[in-house]
């Protein structure tokens, strides 16, 4: 129901109620109810009808306002992502690109004279790796899940297809969460966490197979599992050596009041993100 319809109903219902009451009183109840009693009953009836019907309309207004606020919050987040991505691109990414080009030139000049020094080779690899990470961060910021223009499952599938094109990972997915079960904010954050988990597997795990599963738990709850057959890592030191992605996933889960777990189970690293049931 639109705001215009709700507004007119709020205006019409009390007026219509008092009109119907006065007509019924004068046509049918006048012999049984005195004028003074009728005057007392009129505001009481309007009040009861207002409580019965207008409360429902007010709930609709509150629901629409909450949806509007959520949409505005998502739009604000998208604009902030774009601003940060632009700053990264105009600053760090371009500087890294120029630095990488300079190292390549030095490397070529040195190779013409003598074999490449090991320290220079490592420096080149580190700059190239940092440049790749920054560009991936820019892509993540500029192209997050768009719950309005891009269907949710299409966003998930596009992420998987892109990663399979860039790596030798074999990714299988069994997704059972209906799109209607996720709010716009949940779609954005869950896709970001899934992307981060897959990128961590691609960068560090040396895995060949990845399995993504999701299930609804009822009463608004759900869980997502991402498992890989990679080499794993020491869960007690998971923030060392570029493991910031895991901390980012934990922070997202905490912000959304989800639970987050990562563990080794039967030679697999398993990431579990869960939204608990309501009630």
C-alpha atoms as a PDB file:
ATOM      1  CA  UNK A   1       0.000   0.000   0.000  1.00  0.00           C
ATOM      2  CA  UNK A   2       1.395   3.397  -1.018  1.00  0.00           C
ATOM      3  CA  UNK A   3       1.915   6.375   1.308  1.00  0.00           C
ATOM      4  CA  UNK A   4      -0.781   8.295  -0.569  1.00  0.00           C
ATOM      5  CA  UNK A   5      -3.347   5.562   0.033  1.00  0.00           C
ATOM      6  CA  UNK A   6      -2.398   5.299   3.712  1.00  0.00           C
ATOM      7  CA  UNK A   7      -2.675   9.079   4.122  1.00  0.00           C
ATOM      8  CA  UNK A   8      -6.172   9.183   2.633  1.00  0.00           C
ATOM      9  CA  UNK A   9      -7.313   6.245   4.759  1.00  0.00           C
ATOM     10  CA  UNK A  10      -6.099   7.999   7.912  1.00  0.00           C
ATOM     11  CA  UNK A  11      -8.127  11.062   6.913  1.00  0.00           C
ATOM     12  CA  UNK A  12     -11.239   9.206   5.772  1.00  0.00           C
ATOM     13  CA  UNK A  13     -11.693   6.521   8.460  1.00  0.00           C
ATOM     14  CA  UNK A  14     -12.526   8.843  11.431  1.00  0.00           C
ATOM     15  CA  UNK A  15     -14.757  11.031   9.231  1.00  0.00           C
ATOM     16  CA  UNK A  16     -16.555   8.026   7.766  1.00  0.00           C
ATOM     17  CA  UNK A  17     -16.944   6.470  11.209  1.00  0.00           C
ATOM     18  CA  UNK A  18     -18.624   9.519  12.750  1.00  0.00           C
ATOM     19  CA  UNK A  19     -20.816   9.928   9.670  1.00  0.00           C
ATOM     20  CA  UNK A  20     -22.052   6.322   9.806  1.00  0.00           C
ATOM     21  CA  UNK A  21     -22.605   6.577  13.564  1.00  0.00           C
ATOM     22  CA  UNK A  22     -24.685   9.738  13.280  1.00  0.00           C
ATOM     23  CA  UNK A  23     -26.784   8.250  10.486  1.00  0.00           C
ATOM     24  CA  UNK A  24     -27.454   5.018  12.395  1.00  0.00           C
ATOM     25  CA  UNK A  25     -28.209   6.909  15.611  1.00  0.00           C
ATOM     26  CA  UNK A  26     -30.730   9.253  14.062  1.00  0.00           C
ATOM     27  CA  UNK A  27     -32.372   6.662  11.825  1.00  0.00           C
ATOM     28  CA  UNK A  28     -32.523   3.630  14.116  1.00  0.00           C
ATOM     29  CA  UNK A  29     -31.321   4.341  17.671  1.00  0.00           C
ATOM     30  CA  UNK A  30     -32.936   7.675  18.532  1.00  0.00           C
ATOM     31  CA  UNK A  31     -35.856   6.074  20.418  1.00  0.00           C
ATOM     32  CA  UNK A  32     -33.422   4.009  22.504  1.00  0.00           C
ATOM     33  CA  UNK A  33     -30.457   6.323  23.111  1.00  0.00           C
ATOM     34  CA  UNK A  34     -30.728   9.842  24.461  1.00  0.00           C
ATOM     35  CA  UNK A  35     -29.026  12.741  22.706  1.00  0.00           C
ATOM     36  CA  UNK A  36     -26.567  13.154  25.582  1.00  0.00           C
ATOM     37  CA  UNK A  37     -25.679   9.440  25.583  1.00  0.00           C
ATOM     38  CA  UNK A  38     -25.193   9.540  21.796  1.00  0.00           C
ATOM     39  CA  UNK A  39     -22.847  12.497  22.132  1.00  0.00           C
ATOM     40  CA  UNK A  40     -20.761  10.567  24.650  1.00  0.00           C
ATOM     41  CA  UNK A  41     -20.718   7.409  22.522  1.00  0.00           C
ATOM     42  CA  UNK A  42     -19.623   9.203  19.330  1.00  0.00           C
ATOM     43  CA  UNK A  43     -15.981   9.934  20.344  1.00  0.00           C
ATOM     44  CA  UNK A  44     -15.712   6.536  22.032  1.00  0.00           C
ATOM     45  CA  UNK A  45     -16.714   4.746  18.818  1.00  0.00           C
ATOM     46  CA  UNK A  46     -14.326   6.874  16.748  1.00  0.00           C
ATOM     47  CA  UNK A  47     -11.535   6.046  19.202  1.00  0.00           C
ATOM     48  CA  UNK A  48     -12.210   2.289  19.066  1.00  0.00           C
ATOM     49  CA  UNK A  49     -12.384   2.260  15.276  1.00  0.00           C
ATOM     50  CA  UNK A  50      -9.179   4.303  15.100  1.00  0.00           C
ATOM     51  CA  UNK A  51      -7.380   1.878  17.423  1.00  0.00           C
ATOM     52  CA  UNK A  52      -8.623  -1.065  15.361  1.00  0.00           C
ATOM     53  CA  UNK A  53      -7.806   0.221  11.870  1.00  0.00           C
ATOM     54  CA  UNK A  54      -5.349   3.092  12.183  1.00  0.00           C
ATOM     55  CA  UNK A  55      -2.882   1.053  14.231  1.00  0.00           C
ATOM     56  CA  UNK A  56      -2.550  -1.296  11.267  1.00  0.00           C
ATOM     57  CA  UNK A  57      -1.898   1.657   8.984  1.00  0.00           C
ATOM     58  CA  UNK A  58       0.713   3.052  11.368  1.00  0.00           C
ATOM     59  CA  UNK A  59       2.482  -0.330  11.362  1.00  0.00           C
ATOM     60  CA  UNK A  60       2.542  -0.206   7.568  1.00  0.00           C
ATOM     61  CA  UNK A  61       4.104   3.263   7.722  1.00  0.00           C
ATOM     62  CA  UNK A  62       6.755   2.048  10.189  1.00  0.00           C
ATOM     63  CA  UNK A  63       7.524  -0.966   7.984  1.00  0.00           C
ATOM     64  CA  UNK A  64       7.833   1.202   4.871  1.00  0.00           C
ATOM     65  CA  UNK A  65      10.033   3.674   6.741  1.00  0.00           C
ATOM     66  CA  UNK A  66      12.311   0.889   7.978  1.00  0.00           C
ATOM     67  CA  UNK A  67      12.649  -0.456   4.419  1.00  0.00           C
ATOM     68  CA  UNK A  68      13.408   3.057   3.158  1.00  0.00           C
ATOM     69  CA  UNK A  69      16.047   3.601   5.852  1.00  0.00           C
ATOM     70  CA  UNK A  70      17.676   0.282   4.993  1.00  0.00           C
ATOM     71  CA  UNK A  71      17.752   1.177   1.289  1.00  0.00           C
ATOM     72  CA  UNK A  72      19.311   4.559   2.129  1.00  0.00           C
ATOM     73  CA  UNK A  73      21.919   2.869   4.324  1.00  0.00           C
ATOM     74  CA  UNK A  74      22.844   0.478   1.525  1.00  0.00           C
ATOM     75  CA  UNK A  75      23.072   3.351  -0.960  1.00  0.00           C
ATOM     76  CA  UNK A  76      25.285   5.324   1.440  1.00  0.00           C
ATOM     77  CA  UNK A  77      27.540   2.295   1.877  1.00  0.00           C
ATOM     78  CA  UNK A  78      27.808   1.902  -1.899  1.00  0.00           C
ATOM     79  CA  UNK A  79      28.784   5.553  -2.322  1.00  0.00           C
ATOM     80  CA  UNK A  80      31.410   5.249   0.430  1.00  0.00           C
ATOM     81  CA  UNK A  81      32.804   2.113  -1.202  1.00  0.00           C
ATOM     82  CA  UNK A  82      33.102   3.950  -4.517  1.00  0.00           C
ATOM     83  CA  UNK A  83      34.868   6.888  -2.829  1.00  0.00           C
ATOM     84  CA  UNK A  84      37.386   4.635  -1.083  1.00  0.00           C
ATOM     85  CA  UNK A  85      37.955   2.643  -4.291  1.00  0.00           C
ATOM     86  CA  UNK A  86      38.593   5.854  -6.219  1.00  0.00           C
ATOM     87  CA  UNK A  87      41.084   7.036  -3.620  1.00  0.00           C
ATOM     88  CA  UNK A  88      42.862   3.677  -3.682  1.00  0.00           C
ATOM     89  CA  UNK A  89      43.020   3.716  -7.462  1.00  0.00           C
ATOM     90  CA  UNK A  90      44.182   7.325  -7.738  1.00  0.00           C
ATOM     91  CA  UNK A  91      46.761   6.940  -5.001  1.00  0.00           C
ATOM     92  CA  UNK A  92      48.152   3.575  -3.935  1.00  0.00           C
ATOM     93  CA  UNK A  93      47.313   1.547  -7.054  1.00  0.00           C
ATOM     94  CA  UNK A  94      48.850   4.035  -9.483  1.00  0.00           C
ATOM     95  CA  UNK A  95      51.955   4.409  -7.317  1.00  0.00           C
ATOM     96  CA  UNK A  96      52.370   0.641  -7.174  1.00  0.00           C
ATOM     97  CA  UNK A  97      51.933   0.410 -10.944  1.00  0.00           C
ATOM     98  CA  UNK A  98      54.702   2.982 -11.530  1.00  0.00           C
ATOM     99  CA  UNK A  99      56.942   1.274  -8.971  1.00  0.00           C
ATOM    100  CA  UNK A 100      56.357  -2.081 -10.645  1.00  0.00           C
ATOM    101  CA  UNK A 101      57.233  -0.592 -14.046  1.00  0.00           C
ATOM    102  CA  UNK A 102      60.443   0.909 -12.646  1.00  0.00           C
ATOM    103  CA  UNK A 103      61.475  -2.408 -11.098  1.00  0.00           C
ATOM    104  CA  UNK A 104      60.814  -4.165 -14.420  1.00  0.00           C
ATOM    105  CA  UNK A 105      63.082  -1.671 -16.177  1.00  0.00           C
ATOM    106  CA  UNK A 106      65.843  -2.108 -13.585  1.00  0.00           C
ATOM    107  CA  UNK A 107      65.456  -5.868 -13.862  1.00  0.00           C
ATOM    108  CA  UNK A 108      65.866  -5.762 -17.651  1.00  0.00           C
ATOM    109  CA  UNK A 109      68.944  -3.525 -17.412  1.00  0.00           C
ATOM    110  CA  UNK A 110      70.519  -5.767 -14.803  1.00  0.00           C
ATOM    111  CA  UNK A 111      69.802  -8.954 -16.748  1.00  0.00           C
ATOM    112  CA  UNK A 112      71.667  -7.494 -19.711  1.00  0.00           C
ATOM    113  CA  UNK A 113      74.769  -7.140 -17.533  1.00  0.00           C
ATOM    114  CA  UNK A 114      74.546  -9.992 -15.036  1.00  0.00           C
ATOM    115  CA  UNK A 115      72.055 -12.490 -13.579  1.00  0.00           C
ATOM    116  CA  UNK A 116      69.178 -11.059 -11.551  1.00  0.00           C
ATOM    117  CA  UNK A 117      69.914 -10.537  -7.869  1.00  0.00           C
ATOM    118  CA  UNK A 118      67.694 -12.610  -5.558  1.00  0.00           C
ATOM    119  CA  UNK A 119      66.710  -9.618  -3.409  1.00  0.00           C
ATOM    120  CA  UNK A 120      65.562  -7.701  -6.483  1.00  0.00           C
ATOM    121  CA  UNK A 121      63.520 -10.681  -7.627  1.00  0.00           C
ATOM    122  CA  UNK A 122      61.817 -10.930  -4.229  1.00  0.00           C
ATOM    123  CA  UNK A 123      61.154  -7.190  -4.219  1.00  0.00           C
ATOM    124  CA  UNK A 124      59.552  -7.474  -7.649  1.00  0.00           C
ATOM    125  CA  UNK A 125      57.346 -10.360  -6.498  1.00  0.00           C
ATOM    126  CA  UNK A 126      56.270  -8.487  -3.378  1.00  0.00           C
ATOM    127  CA  UNK A 127      55.371  -5.339  -5.307  1.00  0.00           C
ATOM    128  CA  UNK A 128      53.471  -7.364  -7.894  1.00  0.00           C
ATOM    129  CA  UNK A 129      51.588  -9.262  -5.160  1.00  0.00           C
ATOM    130  CA  UNK A 130      50.718  -6.031  -3.325  1.00  0.00           C
ATOM    131  CA  UNK A 131      49.553  -4.474  -6.566  1.00  0.00           C
ATOM    132  CA  UNK A 132      47.292  -7.485  -7.188  1.00  0.00           C
ATOM    133  CA  UNK A 133      45.826  -7.308  -3.664  1.00  0.00           C
ATOM    134  CA  UNK A 134      45.092  -3.596  -3.990  1.00  0.00           C
ATOM    135  CA  UNK A 135      43.372  -4.068  -7.350  1.00  0.00           C
ATOM    136  CA  UNK A 136      41.289  -6.906  -5.921  1.00  0.00           C
ATOM    137  CA  UNK A 137      40.310  -4.628  -3.031  1.00  0.00           C
ATOM    138  CA  UNK A 138      39.274  -1.936  -5.522  1.00  0.00           C
ATOM    139  CA  UNK A 139      37.183  -4.452  -7.450  1.00  0.00           C
ATOM    140  CA  UNK A 140      35.544  -5.663  -4.232  1.00  0.00           C
ATOM    141  CA  UNK A 141      34.688  -2.082  -3.277  1.00  0.00           C
ATOM    142  CA  UNK A 142      33.416  -0.986  -6.668  1.00  0.00           C
ATOM    143  CA  UNK A 143      31.443  -4.107  -7.538  1.00  0.00           C
ATOM    144  CA  UNK A 144      29.785  -5.440  -4.383  1.00  0.00           C
ATOM    145  CA  UNK A 145      26.452  -7.245  -4.421  1.00  0.00           C
ATOM    146  CA  UNK A 146      23.776  -4.937  -5.778  1.00  0.00           C
ATOM    147  CA  UNK A 147      20.533  -6.320  -4.260  1.00  0.00           C
ATOM    148  CA  UNK A 148      18.409  -4.061  -6.470  1.00  0.00           C
ATOM    149  CA  UNK A 149      19.802  -4.372  -9.985  1.00  0.00           C
ATOM    150  CA  UNK A 150      21.543  -7.782  -9.823  1.00  0.00           C
ATOM    151  CA  UNK A 151      19.755 -10.954  -8.694  1.00  0.00           C
ATOM    152  CA  UNK A 152      21.376 -12.473  -5.648  1.00  0.00           C
ATOM    153  CA  UNK A 153      22.125 -15.874  -7.194  1.00  0.00           C
ATOM    154  CA  UNK A 154      23.600 -14.176 -10.260  1.00  0.00           C
ATOM    155  CA  UNK A 155      26.002 -12.271  -7.995  1.00  0.00           C
ATOM    156  CA  UNK A 156      27.122 -15.495  -6.311  1.00  0.00           C
ATOM    157  CA  UNK A 157      27.511 -17.336  -9.624  1.00  0.00           C
ATOM    158  CA  UNK A 158      29.414 -14.445 -11.220  1.00  0.00           C
ATOM    159  CA  UNK A 159      31.860 -14.481  -8.310  1.00  0.00           C
ATOM    160  CA  UNK A 160      32.432 -18.232  -8.716  1.00  0.00           C
ATOM    161  CA  UNK A 161      32.810 -17.999 -12.510  1.00  0.00           C
ATOM    162  CA  UNK A 162      35.346 -15.169 -12.194  1.00  0.00           C
ATOM    163  CA  UNK A 163      37.460 -17.086  -9.693  1.00  0.00           C
ATOM    164  CA  UNK A 164      37.391 -20.281 -11.762  1.00  0.00           C
ATOM    165  CA  UNK A 165      38.575 -18.340 -14.812  1.00  0.00           C
ATOM    166  CA  UNK A 166      41.551 -16.945 -12.869  1.00  0.00           C
ATOM    167  CA  UNK A 167      42.544 -20.170 -11.115  1.00  0.00           C
ATOM    168  CA  UNK A 168      42.416 -23.961 -11.346  1.00  0.00           C
ATOM    169  CA  UNK A 169      39.906 -24.256  -8.521  1.00  0.00           C
ATOM    170  CA  UNK A 170      36.935 -26.551  -8.987  1.00  0.00           C
ATOM    171  CA  UNK A 171      34.025 -24.969  -7.117  1.00  0.00           C
ATOM    172  CA  UNK A 172      30.732 -26.741  -6.471  1.00  0.00           C
ATOM    173  CA  UNK A 173      27.761 -24.955  -4.929  1.00  0.00           C
ATOM    174  CA  UNK A 174      24.544 -26.180  -3.342  1.00  0.00           C
ATOM    175  CA  UNK A 175      22.592 -23.053  -2.353  1.00  0.00           C
ATOM    176  CA  UNK A 176      19.292 -23.564  -0.498  1.00  0.00           C
ATOM    177  CA  UNK A 177      18.662 -20.111   1.005  1.00  0.00           C
ATOM    178  CA  UNK A 178      15.757 -18.299  -0.664  1.00  0.00           C
ATOM    179  CA  UNK A 179      16.576 -14.741  -1.698  1.00  0.00           C
ATOM    180  CA  UNK A 180      13.575 -13.457   0.275  1.00  0.00           C
ATOM    181  CA  UNK A 181      15.180 -14.712   3.510  1.00  0.00           C
ATOM    182  CA  UNK A 182      18.020 -12.173   3.215  1.00  0.00           C
ATOM    183  CA  UNK A 183      17.758  -8.434   3.699  1.00  0.00           C
ATOM    184  CA  UNK A 184      19.590  -6.061   1.359  1.00  0.00           C
ATOM    185  CA  UNK A 185      22.302  -5.486   3.974  1.00  0.00           C
ATOM    186  CA  UNK A 186      22.679  -9.230   4.595  1.00  0.00           C
ATOM    187  CA  UNK A 187      23.106  -9.862   0.854  1.00  0.00           C
ATOM    188  CA  UNK A 188      25.908  -7.311   0.612  1.00  0.00           C
ATOM    189  CA  UNK A 189      27.782  -8.553   3.689  1.00  0.00           C
ATOM    190  CA  UNK A 190      27.278 -12.273   2.995  1.00  0.00           C
ATOM    191  CA  UNK A 191      28.547 -11.930  -0.581  1.00  0.00           C
ATOM    192  CA  UNK A 192      31.543  -9.914   0.666  1.00  0.00           C
ATOM    193  CA  UNK A 193      32.355 -12.634   3.236  1.00  0.00           C
ATOM    194  CA  UNK A 194      31.967 -15.386   0.621  1.00  0.00           C
ATOM    195  CA  UNK A 195      34.246 -13.479  -1.764  1.00  0.00           C
ATOM    196  CA  UNK A 196      36.845 -13.005   0.979  1.00  0.00           C
ATOM    197  CA  UNK A 197      36.780 -16.709   1.869  1.00  0.00           C
ATOM    198  CA  UNK A 198      37.240 -17.740  -1.776  1.00  0.00           C
ATOM    199  CA  UNK A 199      40.060 -15.236  -2.335  1.00  0.00           C
ATOM    200  CA  UNK A 200      41.850 -16.510   0.788  1.00  0.00           C
ATOM    201  CA  UNK A 201      41.584 -20.067  -0.566  1.00  0.00           C
ATOM    202  CA  UNK A 202      42.908 -18.934  -3.943  1.00  0.00           C
ATOM    203  CA  UNK A 203      45.846 -16.995  -2.458  1.00  0.00           C
ATOM    204  CA  UNK A 204      46.977 -19.222   0.412  1.00  0.00           C
ATOM    205  CA  UNK A 205      45.372 -22.676   0.552  1.00  0.00           C
ATOM    206  CA  UNK A 206      46.845 -24.375  -2.560  1.00  0.00           C
ATOM    207  CA  UNK A 207      43.495 -26.133  -2.823  1.00  0.00           C
ATOM    208  CA  UNK A 208      41.977 -27.898  -5.832  1.00  0.00           C
ATOM    209  CA  UNK A 209      38.359 -28.282  -4.759  1.00  0.00           C
ATOM    210  CA  UNK A 210      35.992 -25.921  -2.948  1.00  0.00           C
ATOM    211  CA  UNK A 211      32.493 -26.738  -1.729  1.00  0.00           C
ATOM    212  CA  UNK A 212      29.882 -24.050  -0.928  1.00  0.00           C
ATOM    213  CA  UNK A 213      26.680 -25.112   0.829  1.00  0.00           C
ATOM    214  CA  UNK A 214      23.864 -23.152   2.447  1.00  0.00           C
ATOM    215  CA  UNK A 215      20.747 -24.163   4.351  1.00  0.00           C
ATOM    216  CA  UNK A 216      17.789 -22.439   5.960  1.00  0.00           C
ATOM    217  CA  UNK A 217      17.355 -23.171   9.658  1.00  0.00           C
ATOM    218  CA  UNK A 218      13.773 -21.894   9.993  1.00  0.00           C
ATOM    219  CA  UNK A 219      12.468 -18.823  11.823  1.00  0.00           C
ATOM    220  CA  UNK A 220      14.745 -16.592   9.740  1.00  0.00           C
ATOM    221  CA  UNK A 221      17.946 -18.521  10.506  1.00  0.00           C
ATOM    222  CA  UNK A 222      20.452 -19.905   7.986  1.00  0.00           C
ATOM    223  CA  UNK A 223      24.014 -21.126   7.654  1.00  0.00           C
ATOM    224  CA  UNK A 224      26.666 -21.040   4.920  1.00  0.00           C
ATOM    225  CA  UNK A 225      29.594 -23.469   4.761  1.00  0.00           C
ATOM    226  CA  UNK A 226      32.706 -22.979   2.589  1.00  0.00           C
ATOM    227  CA  UNK A 227      35.128 -25.936   2.640  1.00  0.00           C
ATOM    228  CA  UNK A 228      38.376 -26.525   0.734  1.00  0.00           C
ATOM    229  CA  UNK A 229      40.918 -29.361   0.503  1.00  0.00           C
ATOM    230  CA  UNK A 230      43.945 -27.087   0.811  1.00  0.00           C
ATOM    231  CA  UNK A 231      46.937 -27.274   3.123  1.00  0.00           C
ATOM    232  CA  UNK A 232      45.182 -25.463   5.970  1.00  0.00           C
ATOM    233  CA  UNK A 233      46.894 -23.298   8.582  1.00  0.00           C
ATOM    234  CA  UNK A 234      47.456 -22.926  12.293  1.00  0.00           C
ATOM    235  CA  UNK A 235      44.129 -21.563  13.610  1.00  0.00           C
ATOM    236  CA  UNK A 236      45.963 -20.192  16.652  1.00  0.00           C
ATOM    237  CA  UNK A 237      48.014 -17.887  14.388  1.00  0.00           C
ATOM    238  CA  UNK A 238      45.412 -17.071  11.755  1.00  0.00           C
ATOM    239  CA  UNK A 239      46.060 -13.315  11.776  1.00  0.00           C
ATOM    240  CA  UNK A 240      49.733 -13.729  10.871  1.00  0.00           C
ATOM    241  CA  UNK A 241      51.130 -13.673   7.341  1.00  0.00           C
ATOM    242  CA  UNK A 242      48.379 -11.885   5.440  1.00  0.00           C
ATOM    243  CA  UNK A 243      45.480 -13.548   7.263  1.00  0.00           C
ATOM    244  CA  UNK A 244      43.649 -10.257   7.611  1.00  0.00           C
ATOM    245  CA  UNK A 245      40.824 -11.584   5.416  1.00  0.00           C
ATOM    246  CA  UNK A 246      39.725 -13.906   8.206  1.00  0.00           C
ATOM    247  CA  UNK A 247      39.595 -11.032  10.662  1.00  0.00           C
ATOM    248  CA  UNK A 248      37.544  -9.034   8.159  1.00  0.00           C
ATOM    249  CA  UNK A 249      35.040 -11.907   7.909  1.00  0.00           C
ATOM    250  CA  UNK A 250      34.855 -12.142  11.693  1.00  0.00           C
ATOM    251  CA  UNK A 251      34.291  -8.389  11.958  1.00  0.00           C
ATOM    252  CA  UNK A 252      31.485  -8.546   9.375  1.00  0.00           C
ATOM    253  CA  UNK A 253      29.839 -11.434  11.198  1.00  0.00           C
ATOM    254  CA  UNK A 254      30.069  -9.606  14.526  1.00  0.00           C
ATOM    255  CA  UNK A 255      28.574  -6.451  12.991  1.00  0.00           C
ATOM    256  CA  UNK A 256      25.632  -8.470  11.580  1.00  0.00           C
ATOM    257  CA  UNK A 257      25.175 -10.523  14.803  1.00  0.00           C
ATOM    258  CA  UNK A 258      26.143 -13.727  12.967  1.00  0.00           C
ATOM    259  CA  UNK A 259      28.356 -16.485  14.322  1.00  0.00           C
ATOM    260  CA  UNK A 260      31.635 -17.244  12.544  1.00  0.00           C
ATOM    261  CA  UNK A 261      33.806 -20.371  12.879  1.00  0.00           C
ATOM    262  CA  UNK A 262      36.829 -21.705  10.989  1.00  0.00           C
ATOM    263  CA  UNK A 263      38.389 -25.107  11.679  1.00  0.00           C
ATOM    264  CA  UNK A 264      40.116 -28.130  10.143  1.00  0.00           C
ATOM    265  CA  UNK A 265      37.801 -31.129   9.716  1.00  0.00           C
ATOM    266  CA  UNK A 266      38.923 -34.339   7.971  1.00  0.00           C
ATOM    267  CA  UNK A 267      41.735 -32.708   5.987  1.00  0.00           C
ATOM    268  CA  UNK A 268      39.516 -29.787   5.005  1.00  0.00           C
ATOM    269  CA  UNK A 269      39.408 -26.168   6.108  1.00  0.00           C
ATOM    270  CA  UNK A 270      35.777 -25.294   6.871  1.00  0.00           C
ATOM    271  CA  UNK A 271      34.384 -21.755   7.227  1.00  0.00           C
ATOM    272  CA  UNK A 272      30.926 -21.576   8.795  1.00  0.00           C
ATOM    273  CA  UNK A 273      28.781 -18.425   8.885  1.00  0.00           C
ATOM    274  CA  UNK A 274      25.453 -18.759  10.688  1.00  0.00           C
ATOM    275  CA  UNK A 275      22.507 -16.552  11.507  1.00  0.00           C
ATOM    276  CA  UNK A 276      20.728 -18.012  14.520  1.00  0.00           C
ATOM    277  CA  UNK A 277      16.993 -18.699  14.569  1.00  0.00           C
ATOM    278  CA  UNK A 278      14.711 -16.012  15.954  1.00  0.00           C
ATOM    279  CA  UNK A 279      13.070 -16.835  19.256  1.00  0.00           C
END
